[in-house]
C-alpha atoms as a PDB file:
ATOM      1  CA  MET A   1       0.000   0.000   0.000  1.00  0.00           C
ATOM      2  CA  ILE A   2       2.836   2.412   0.820  1.00  0.00           C
ATOM      3  CA  GLU A   3       4.515   1.687  -2.497  1.00  0.00           C
ATOM      4  CA  ARG A   4       1.234   2.284  -4.331  1.00  0.00           C
ATOM      5  CA  ALA A   5       0.690   5.584  -2.513  1.00  0.00           C
ATOM      6  CA  THR A   6       4.145   6.842  -3.461  1.00  0.00           C
ATOM      7  CA  LYS A   7       3.569   5.931  -7.104  1.00  0.00           C
ATOM      8  CA  GLU A   8       0.097   7.451  -7.350  1.00  0.00           C
ATOM      9  CA  CYS A   9       0.687  10.590  -5.259  1.00  0.00           C
ATOM     10  CA  GLU A  10       3.530  12.505  -6.857  1.00  0.00           C
ATOM     11  CA  GLY A  11       5.421  14.570  -4.323  1.00  0.00           C
ATOM     12  CA  LEU A  12       4.176  12.589  -1.321  1.00  0.00           C
ATOM     13  CA  GLU A  13       6.675  13.181   1.480  1.00  0.00           C
ATOM     14  CA  GLN A  14       5.112  11.570   4.552  1.00  0.00           C
ATOM     15  CA  ILE A  15       2.240   9.379   5.747  1.00  0.00           C
ATOM     16  CA  HIS A  16       0.513   9.838   9.122  1.00  0.00           C
ATOM     17  CA  LEU A  17      -1.578   7.378  11.102  1.00  0.00           C
ATOM     18  CA  THR A  18      -2.961   6.910  14.588  1.00  0.00           C
ATOM     19  CA  VAL A  19      -3.107   3.698  16.594  1.00  0.00           C
ATOM     20  CA  VAL A  20      -4.498   2.954  20.038  1.00  0.00           C
ATOM     21  CA  SER A  21      -1.486   3.178  22.334  1.00  0.00           C
ATOM     22  CA  ASN A  22      -1.948  -0.232  23.952  1.00  0.00           C
ATOM     23  CA  ASN A  23      -2.376  -2.066  20.613  1.00  0.00           C
ATOM     24  CA  LYS A  24       1.098  -3.608  20.700  1.00  0.00           C
ATOM     25  CA  SER A  25       0.708  -5.860  17.646  1.00  0.00           C
ATOM     26  CA  ALA A  26      -0.452  -3.016  15.384  1.00  0.00           C
ATOM     27  CA  LYS A  27       2.349  -0.764  16.630  1.00  0.00           C
ATOM     28  CA  ARG A  28       4.935  -3.508  15.948  1.00  0.00           C
ATOM     29  CA  LEU A  29       3.606  -3.813  12.396  1.00  0.00           C
ATOM     30  CA  TYR A  30       3.785  -0.069  11.756  1.00  0.00           C
ATOM     31  CA  VAL A  31       7.280   0.206  13.244  1.00  0.00           C
ATOM     32  CA  SER A  32       8.405  -2.684  11.024  1.00  0.00           C
ATOM     33  CA  LEU A  33       7.205  -0.625   8.040  1.00  0.00           C
ATOM     34  CA  GLY A  34       9.279   2.351   9.168  1.00  0.00           C
ATOM     35  CA  PHE A  35       6.703   4.441  11.072  1.00  0.00           C
ATOM     36  CA  GLU A  36       7.802   6.319  14.198  1.00  0.00           C
ATOM     37  CA  VAL A  37       5.753   7.636  17.120  1.00  0.00           C
ATOM     38  CA  TYR A  38       5.933  11.429  17.303  1.00  0.00           C
ATOM     39  CA  GLY A  39       3.263  12.097  19.901  1.00  0.00           C
ATOM     40  CA  VAL A  40       0.340  10.837  21.955  1.00  0.00           C
ATOM     41  CA  GLU A  41      -3.228  12.084  21.996  1.00  0.00           C
ATOM     42  CA  PRO A  42      -4.621  11.338  25.454  1.00  0.00           C
ATOM     43  CA  TYR A  43      -8.233  10.198  25.744  1.00  0.00           C
ATOM     44  CA  ALA A  44      -8.567  10.124  21.951  1.00  0.00           C
ATOM     45  CA  LEU A  45     -11.222   7.387  21.891  1.00  0.00           C
ATOM     46  CA  LYS A  46     -14.054   6.463  24.233  1.00  0.00           C
ATOM     47  CA  SER A  47     -15.747   3.074  24.204  1.00  0.00           C
ATOM     48  CA  ASP A  48     -18.153   1.850  26.873  1.00  0.00           C
ATOM     49  CA  GLU A  49     -17.103   4.608  29.270  1.00  0.00           C
ATOM     50  CA  GLN A  50     -13.410   3.699  28.879  1.00  0.00           C
ATOM     51  CA  TYR A  51     -10.937   6.113  27.325  1.00  0.00           C
ATOM     52  CA  PHE A  52      -7.981   5.143  25.139  1.00  0.00           C
ATOM     53  CA  ASP A  53      -4.905   7.134  24.178  1.00  0.00           C
ATOM     54  CA  GLU A  54      -3.690   7.114  20.580  1.00  0.00           C
ATOM     55  CA  ASP A  55      -0.113   7.200  19.366  1.00  0.00           C
ATOM     56  CA  LEU A  56       0.493   9.544  16.448  1.00  0.00           C
ATOM     57  CA  MET A  57       2.829   7.937  13.931  1.00  0.00           C
ATOM     58  CA  ILE A  58       4.652   9.169  10.840  1.00  0.00           C
ATOM     59  CA  LEU A  59       6.520   7.608   7.960  1.00  0.00           C
ATOM     60  CA  ARG A  60       8.825  10.023   6.167  1.00  0.00           C
ATOM     61  CA  LEU A  61       9.365   8.944   2.578  1.00  0.00           C
END
């Protein structure tokens, strides 16, 4: 998908995503693809009265 994005979006310099901070398997996947955490958004999601932080991630191309 990243390769496709770089081919179809001329001039693309970076890709951003968010992931729930305690989702270790998703974070491992994104890190393996080259993404880095650059910040955290506290209380970003609420589900059944429970709040979840999100890690903000970036891949610089």
